[in-house]
């Protein structure tokens, strides 16, 4: 589905008003953060942090390396 949106002046900035159907599809509401990700075709808007995968991989490495220490701390 193609959603046509307009730029609107909000204070000294410009903003995009997203249709209610698109907000429901993204499962976002007022106050949630969206990420604007540049792509070769333009701009992708996503509720998912593109840097989260790297953070999760770093956590997995740390968890494996310090498994015994974390287990002792959990007692």
PDB file of N, CA and C in Angstrom:
ATOM      1  N   UNK A   1       0.841  -1.177   0.000  1.00  0.00           N
ATOM      2  CA  UNK A   1       0.000   0.000   0.000  1.00  0.00           C
ATOM      3  C   UNK A   1       0.888   1.242   0.000  1.00  0.00           C
ATOM      4  N   UNK A   2       0.559   2.180  -0.813  1.00  0.00           N
ATOM      5  CA  UNK A   2       1.294   3.433  -0.894  1.00  0.00           C
ATOM      6  C   UNK A   2       0.536   4.473  -0.084  1.00  0.00           C
ATOM      7  N   UNK A   3       1.242   5.092   0.856  1.00  0.00           N
ATOM      8  CA  UNK A   3       0.647   6.148   1.674  1.00  0.00           C
ATOM      9  C   UNK A   3       1.264   7.472   1.255  1.00  0.00           C
ATOM     10  N   UNK A   4       0.433   8.406   0.857  1.00  0.00           N
ATOM     11  CA  UNK A   4       0.911   9.729   0.486  1.00  0.00           C
ATOM     12  C   UNK A   4       0.887  10.592   1.739  1.00  0.00           C
ATOM     13  N   UNK A   5       2.016  11.207   2.040  1.00  0.00           N
ATOM     14  CA  UNK A   5       2.117  12.069   3.219  1.00  0.00           C
ATOM     15  C   UNK A   5       2.592  13.446   2.770  1.00  0.00           C
ATOM     16  N   UNK A   6       2.269  14.450   3.561  1.00  0.00           N
ATOM     17  CA  UNK A   6       2.686  15.812   3.249  1.00  0.00           C
ATOM     18  C   UNK A   6       3.617  16.312   4.333  1.00  0.00           C
ATOM     19  N   UNK A   7       4.541  17.160   3.925  1.00  0.00           N
ATOM     20  CA  UNK A   7       5.394  17.843   4.887  1.00  0.00           C
ATOM     21  C   UNK A   7       4.608  19.009   5.463  1.00  0.00           C
ATOM     22  N   UNK A   8       4.702  19.178   6.761  1.00  0.00           N
ATOM     23  CA  UNK A   8       4.010  20.276   7.430  1.00  0.00           C
ATOM     24  C   UNK A   8       4.988  21.004   8.329  1.00  0.00           C
ATOM     25  N   UNK A   9       4.784  22.296   8.444  1.00  0.00           N
ATOM     26  CA  UNK A   9       5.621  23.110   9.307  1.00  0.00           C
ATOM     27  C   UNK A   9       5.200  22.864  10.756  1.00  0.00           C
ATOM     28  N   UNK A  10       6.183  22.491  11.598  1.00  0.00           N
ATOM     29  CA  UNK A  10       5.961  22.270  13.024  1.00  0.00           C
ATOM     30  C   UNK A  10       7.020  23.089  13.741  1.00  0.00           C
ATOM     31  N   UNK A  11       6.636  24.241  14.241  1.00  0.00           N
ATOM     32  CA  UNK A  11       7.608  25.149  14.847  1.00  0.00           C
ATOM     33  C   UNK A  11       8.571  25.641  13.785  1.00  0.00           C
ATOM     34  N   UNK A  12       9.874  25.491  14.022  1.00  0.00           N
ATOM     35  CA  UNK A  12      10.883  25.880  13.042  1.00  0.00           C
ATOM     36  C   UNK A  12      11.316  24.709  12.174  1.00  0.00           C
ATOM     37  N   UNK A  13      10.644  23.578  12.294  1.00  0.00           N
ATOM     38  CA  UNK A  13      11.019  22.369  11.563  1.00  0.00           C
ATOM     39  C   UNK A  13       9.922  21.972  10.596  1.00  0.00           C
ATOM     40  N   UNK A  14      10.208  20.941   9.811  1.00  0.00           N
ATOM     41  CA  UNK A  14       9.206  20.314   8.966  1.00  0.00           C
ATOM     42  C   UNK A  14       8.969  18.914   9.493  1.00  0.00           C
ATOM     43  N   UNK A  15       7.727  18.476   9.464  1.00  0.00           N
ATOM     44  CA  UNK A  15       7.395  17.144   9.951  1.00  0.00           C
ATOM     45  C   UNK A  15       6.514  16.413   8.967  1.00  0.00           C
ATOM     46  N   UNK A  16       6.466  15.111   9.106  1.00  0.00           N
ATOM     47  CA  UNK A  16       5.624  14.267   8.277  1.00  0.00           C
ATOM     48  C   UNK A  16       4.519  13.712   9.165  1.00  0.00           C
ATOM     49  N   UNK A  17       3.296  13.841   8.729  1.00  0.00           N
ATOM     50  CA  UNK A  17       2.166  13.264   9.455  1.00  0.00           C
ATOM     51  C   UNK A  17       1.860  11.912   8.816  1.00  0.00           C
ATOM     52  N   UNK A  18       1.976  10.848   9.612  1.00  0.00           N
ATOM     53  CA  UNK A  18       1.722   9.497   9.098  1.00  0.00           C
ATOM     54  C   UNK A  18       0.254   9.135   9.307  1.00  0.00           C
ATOM     55  N   UNK A  19      -0.352   8.470   8.331  1.00  0.00           N
ATOM     56  CA  UNK A  19      -1.744   8.050   8.474  1.00  0.00           C
ATOM     57  C   UNK A  19      -1.911   7.040   9.612  1.00  0.00           C
ATOM     58  N   UNK A  20      -3.076   7.046  10.205  1.00  0.00           N
ATOM     59  CA  UNK A  20      -3.382   6.163  11.328  1.00  0.00           C
ATOM     60  C   UNK A  20      -3.148   4.697  10.971  1.00  0.00           C
ATOM     61  N   UNK A  21      -3.502   4.305   9.754  1.00  0.00           N
ATOM     62  CA  UNK A  21      -3.335   2.908   9.330  1.00  0.00           C
ATOM     63  C   UNK A  21      -1.867   2.498   9.334  1.00  0.00           C
ATOM     64  N   UNK A  22      -0.990   3.401   8.916  1.00  0.00           N
ATOM     65  CA  UNK A  22       0.443   3.088   8.902  1.00  0.00           C
ATOM     66  C   UNK A  22       0.989   3.003  10.328  1.00  0.00           C
ATOM     67  N   UNK A  23       0.529   3.859  11.211  1.00  0.00           N
ATOM     68  CA  UNK A  23       0.960   3.809  12.610  1.00  0.00           C
ATOM     69  C   UNK A  23       0.536   2.490  13.254  1.00  0.00           C
ATOM     70  N   UNK A  24      -0.669   2.051  12.948  1.00  0.00           N
ATOM     71  CA  UNK A  24      -1.149   0.766  13.487  1.00  0.00           C
ATOM     72  C   UNK A  24      -0.323  -0.390  12.923  1.00  0.00           C
ATOM     73  N   UNK A  25       0.014  -0.315  11.647  1.00  0.00           N
ATOM     74  CA  UNK A  25       0.801  -1.389  11.011  1.00  0.00           C
ATOM     75  C   UNK A  25       2.194  -1.470  11.620  1.00  0.00           C
ATOM     76  N   UNK A  26       2.767  -0.325  11.979  1.00  0.00           N
ATOM     77  CA  UNK A  26       4.094  -0.294  12.602  1.00  0.00           C
ATOM     78  C   UNK A  26       4.036  -0.553  14.108  1.00  0.00           C
ATOM     79  N   UNK A  27       2.820  -0.578  14.668  1.00  0.00           N
ATOM     80  CA  UNK A  27       2.622  -0.765  16.109  1.00  0.00           C
ATOM     81  C   UNK A  27       3.326   0.328  16.908  1.00  0.00           C
ATOM     82  N   UNK A  28       3.122   1.587  16.502  1.00  0.00           N
ATOM     83  CA  UNK A  28       3.698   2.725  17.206  1.00  0.00           C
ATOM     84  C   UNK A  28       2.583   3.706  17.568  1.00  0.00           C
ATOM     85  N   UNK A  29       2.874   4.532  18.558  1.00  0.00           N
ATOM     86  CA  UNK A  29       1.919   5.551  18.971  1.00  0.00           C
ATOM     87  C   UNK A  29       2.681   6.799  19.393  1.00  0.00           C
ATOM     88  N   UNK A  30       1.970   7.764  19.898  1.00  0.00           N
ATOM     89  CA  UNK A  30       2.545   9.044  20.293  1.00  0.00           C
ATOM     90  C   UNK A  30       3.689   8.845  21.290  1.00  0.00           C
ATOM     91  N   UNK A  31       4.833   9.447  21.001  1.00  0.00           N
ATOM     92  CA  UNK A  31       5.980   9.370  21.894  1.00  0.00           C
ATOM     93  C   UNK A  31       6.973   8.275  21.545  1.00  0.00           C
ATOM     94  N   UNK A  32       6.591   7.315  20.696  1.00  0.00           N
ATOM     95  CA  UNK A  32       7.518   6.254  20.295  1.00  0.00           C
ATOM     96  C   UNK A  32       8.581   6.823  19.363  1.00  0.00           C
ATOM     97  N   UNK A  33       9.733   6.176  19.329  1.00  0.00           N
ATOM     98  CA  UNK A  33      10.809   6.598  18.443  1.00  0.00           C
ATOM     99  C   UNK A  33      10.766   5.801  17.150  1.00  0.00           C
ATOM    100  N   UNK A  34      10.989   6.494  16.038  1.00  0.00           N
ATOM    101  CA  UNK A  34      11.133   5.856  14.739  1.00  0.00           C
ATOM    102  C   UNK A  34      12.528   6.166  14.227  1.00  0.00           C
ATOM    103  N   UNK A  35      13.079   5.274  13.429  1.00  0.00           N
ATOM    104  CA  UNK A  35      14.420   5.439  12.895  1.00  0.00           C
ATOM    105  C   UNK A  35      14.318   5.677  11.396  1.00  0.00           C
ATOM    106  N   UNK A  36      14.942   6.754  10.916  1.00  0.00           N
ATOM    107  CA  UNK A  36      15.002   7.069   9.492  1.00  0.00           C
ATOM    108  C   UNK A  36      16.322   6.527   8.966  1.00  0.00           C
ATOM    109  N   UNK A  37      16.243   5.527   8.107  1.00  0.00           N
ATOM    110  CA  UNK A  37      17.425   4.824   7.615  1.00  0.00           C
ATOM    111  C   UNK A  37      17.607   5.150   6.133  1.00  0.00           C
ATOM    112  N   UNK A  38      18.730   5.797   5.779  1.00  0.00           N
ATOM    113  CA  UNK A  38      18.958   6.091   4.358  1.00  0.00           C
ATOM    114  C   UNK A  38      19.197   4.805   3.576  1.00  0.00           C
ATOM    115  N   UNK A  39      18.529   4.692   2.437  1.00  0.00           N
ATOM    116  CA  UNK A  39      18.728   3.547   1.546  1.00  0.00           C
ATOM    117  C   UNK A  39      19.047   4.075   0.152  1.00  0.00           C
ATOM    118  N   UNK A  40      19.394   3.179  -0.746  1.00  0.00           N
ATOM    119  CA  UNK A  40      19.703   3.606  -2.109  1.00  0.00           C
ATOM    120  C   UNK A  40      18.469   4.177  -2.801  1.00  0.00           C
ATOM    121  N   UNK A  41      17.278   3.740  -2.391  1.00  0.00           N
ATOM    122  CA  UNK A  41      16.041   4.217  -3.004  1.00  0.00           C
ATOM    123  C   UNK A  41      15.419   5.401  -2.299  1.00  0.00           C
ATOM    124  N   UNK A  42      15.973   5.837  -1.189  1.00  0.00           N
ATOM    125  CA  UNK A  42      15.392   6.970  -0.465  1.00  0.00           C
ATOM    126  C   UNK A  42      15.588   6.827   1.027  1.00  0.00           C
ATOM    127  N   UNK A  43      14.486   6.828   1.755  1.00  0.00           N
ATOM    128  CA  UNK A  43      14.525   6.797   3.207  1.00  0.00           C
ATOM    129  C   UNK A  43      13.544   5.753   3.722  1.00  0.00           C
ATOM    130  N   UNK A  44      14.012   4.883   4.600  1.00  0.00           N
ATOM    131  CA  UNK A  44      13.154   3.866   5.199  1.00  0.00           C
ATOM    132  C   UNK A  44      12.877   4.280   6.639  1.00  0.00           C
ATOM    133  N   UNK A  45      11.605   4.236   7.030  1.00  0.00           N
ATOM    134  CA  UNK A  45      11.218   4.567   8.405  1.00  0.00           C
ATOM    135  C   UNK A  45      10.858   3.274   9.111  1.00  0.00           C
ATOM    136  N   UNK A  46      11.516   3.035  10.257  1.00  0.00           N
ATOM    137  CA  UNK A  46      11.321   1.778  10.971  1.00  0.00           C
ATOM    138  C   UNK A  46      11.276   2.024  12.472  1.00  0.00           C
ATOM    139  N   UNK A  47      10.466   1.244  13.209  1.00  0.00           N
ATOM    140  CA  UNK A  47      10.478   1.352  14.664  1.00  0.00           C
ATOM    141  C   UNK A  47      11.632   0.568  15.290  1.00  0.00           C
ATOM    142  N   UNK A  48      12.397  -0.155  14.476  1.00  0.00           N
ATOM    143  CA  UNK A  48      13.470  -0.998  14.987  1.00  0.00           C
ATOM    144  C   UNK A  48      14.818  -0.312  14.849  1.00  0.00           C
ATOM    145  N   UNK A  49      15.598  -0.326  15.925  1.00  0.00           N
ATOM    146  CA  UNK A  49      16.916   0.300  15.949  1.00  0.00           C
ATOM    147  C   UNK A  49      17.869  -0.496  15.067  1.00  0.00           C
ATOM    148  N   UNK A  50      18.423   0.125  14.007  1.00  0.00           N
ATOM    149  CA  UNK A  50      19.318  -0.629  13.125  1.00  0.00           C
ATOM    150  C   UNK A  50      20.618  -1.037  13.810  1.00  0.00           C
ATOM    151  N   UNK A  51      21.006  -0.390  14.899  1.00  0.00           N
ATOM    152  CA  UNK A  51      22.229  -0.752  15.609  1.00  0.00           C
ATOM    153  C   UNK A  51      22.024  -1.824  16.658  1.00  0.00           C
ATOM    154  N   UNK A  52      20.791  -2.271  16.843  1.00  0.00           N
ATOM    155  CA  UNK A  52      20.493  -3.249  17.884  1.00  0.00           C
ATOM    156  C   UNK A  52      21.163  -4.590  17.625  1.00  0.00           C
ATOM    157  N   UNK A  53      21.254  -5.006  16.372  1.00  0.00           N
ATOM    158  CA  UNK A  53      21.900  -6.297  16.056  1.00  0.00           C
ATOM    159  C   UNK A  53      23.339  -6.331  16.537  1.00  0.00           C
ATOM    160  N   UNK A  54      24.063  -5.250  16.331  1.00  0.00           N
ATOM    161  CA  UNK A  54      25.455  -5.190  16.783  1.00  0.00           C
ATOM    162  C   UNK A  54      25.555  -5.251  18.296  1.00  0.00           C
ATOM    163  N   UNK A  55      24.641  -4.581  18.975  1.00  0.00           N
ATOM    164  CA  UNK A  55      24.624  -4.589  20.437  1.00  0.00           C
ATOM    165  C   UNK A  55      24.310  -5.994  20.951  1.00  0.00           C
ATOM    166  N   UNK A  56      23.384  -6.677  20.282  1.00  0.00           N
ATOM    167  CA  UNK A  56      23.018  -8.031  20.690  1.00  0.00           C
ATOM    168  C   UNK A  56      24.185  -9.000  20.487  1.00  0.00           C
ATOM    169  N   UNK A  57      24.908  -8.869  19.368  1.00  0.00           N
ATOM    170  CA  UNK A  57      26.076  -9.739  19.134  1.00  0.00           C
ATOM    171  C   UNK A  57      27.152  -9.491  20.188  1.00  0.00           C
ATOM    172  N   UNK A  58      27.375  -8.224  20.558  1.00  0.00           N
ATOM    173  CA  UNK A  58      28.368  -7.912  21.593  1.00  0.00           C
ATOM    174  C   UNK A  58      27.951  -8.522  22.922  1.00  0.00           C
ATOM    175  N   UNK A  59      26.661  -8.466  23.248  1.00  0.00           N
ATOM    176  CA  UNK A  59      26.171  -9.069  24.485  1.00  0.00           C
ATOM    177  C   UNK A  59      26.393 -10.580  24.477  1.00  0.00           C
ATOM    178  N   UNK A  60      26.116 -11.227  23.352  1.00  0.00           N
ATOM    179  CA  UNK A  60      26.298 -12.682  23.257  1.00  0.00           C
ATOM    180  C   UNK A  60      27.761 -13.070  23.463  1.00  0.00           C
ATOM    181  N   UNK A  61      28.677 -12.300  22.880  1.00  0.00           N
ATOM    182  CA  UNK A  61      30.112 -12.588  23.081  1.00  0.00           C
ATOM    183  C   UNK A  61      30.487 -12.444  24.553  1.00  0.00           C
ATOM    184  N   UNK A  62      30.015 -11.372  25.172  1.00  0.00           N
ATOM    185  CA  UNK A  62      30.321 -11.121  26.581  1.00  0.00           C
ATOM    186  C   UNK A  62      29.713 -12.205  27.469  1.00  0.00           C
ATOM    187  N   UNK A  63      28.492 -12.576  27.153  1.00  0.00           N
ATOM    188  CA  UNK A  63      27.812 -13.589  27.959  1.00  0.00           C
ATOM    189  C   UNK A  63      28.548 -14.926  27.909  1.00  0.00           C
ATOM    190  N   UNK A  64      29.039 -15.286  26.726  1.00  0.00           N
ATOM    191  CA  UNK A  64      29.780 -16.544  26.611  1.00  0.00           C
ATOM    192  C   UNK A  64      31.112 -16.466  27.343  1.00  0.00           C
ATOM    193  N   UNK A  65      31.791 -15.337  27.191  1.00  0.00           N
ATOM    194  CA  UNK A  65      33.122 -15.193  27.777  1.00  0.00           C
ATOM    195  C   UNK A  65      33.066 -15.195  29.301  1.00  0.00           C
ATOM    196  N   UNK A  66      32.070 -14.546  29.870  1.00  0.00           N
ATOM    197  CA  UNK A  66      31.967 -14.407  31.329  1.00  0.00           C
ATOM    198  C   UNK A  66      30.820 -15.240  31.908  1.00  0.00           C
ATOM    199  N   UNK A  67      30.506 -16.349  31.266  1.00  0.00           N
ATOM    200  CA  UNK A  67      29.392 -17.197  31.684  1.00  0.00           C
ATOM    201  C   UNK A  67      29.496 -17.611  33.152  1.00  0.00           C
ATOM    202  N   UNK A  68      30.665 -18.080  33.569  1.00  0.00           N
ATOM    203  CA  UNK A  68      30.822 -18.553  34.950  1.00  0.00           C
ATOM    204  C   UNK A  68      30.710 -17.413  35.953  1.00  0.00           C
ATOM    205  N   UNK A  69      31.297 -16.269  35.637  1.00  0.00           N
ATOM    206  CA  UNK A  69      31.222 -15.118  36.540  1.00  0.00           C
ATOM    207  C   UNK A  69      29.779 -14.630  36.663  1.00  0.00           C
ATOM    208  N   UNK A  70      29.066 -14.587  35.565  1.00  0.00           N
ATOM    209  CA  UNK A  70      27.663 -14.157  35.608  1.00  0.00           C
ATOM    210  C   UNK A  70      26.806 -15.130  36.402  1.00  0.00           C
ATOM    211  N   UNK A  71      27.115 -16.415  36.266  1.00  0.00           N
ATOM    212  CA  UNK A  71      26.368 -17.426  37.020  1.00  0.00           C
ATOM    213  C   UNK A  71      26.584 -17.247  38.519  1.00  0.00           C
ATOM    214  N   UNK A  72      27.834 -16.959  38.922  1.00  0.00           N
ATOM    215  CA  UNK A  72      28.139 -16.748  40.334  1.00  0.00           C
ATOM    216  C   UNK A  72      27.458 -15.467  40.865  1.00  0.00           C
ATOM    217  N   UNK A  73      27.454 -14.445  40.064  1.00  0.00           N
ATOM    218  CA  UNK A  73      26.805 -13.199  40.478  1.00  0.00           C
ATOM    219  C   UNK A  73      25.291 -13.362  40.633  1.00  0.00           C
ATOM    220  N   UNK A  74      24.720 -14.271  39.880  1.00  0.00           N
ATOM    221  CA  UNK A  74      23.277 -14.471  39.934  1.00  0.00           C
ATOM    222  C   UNK A  74      22.830 -15.215  41.182  1.00  0.00           C
ATOM    223  N   UNK A  75      23.760 -15.856  41.868  1.00  0.00           N
ATOM    224  CA  UNK A  75      23.401 -16.613  43.085  1.00  0.00           C
ATOM    225  C   UNK A  75      23.004 -15.708  44.214  1.00  0.00           C
TER     226      UNK A  75
END
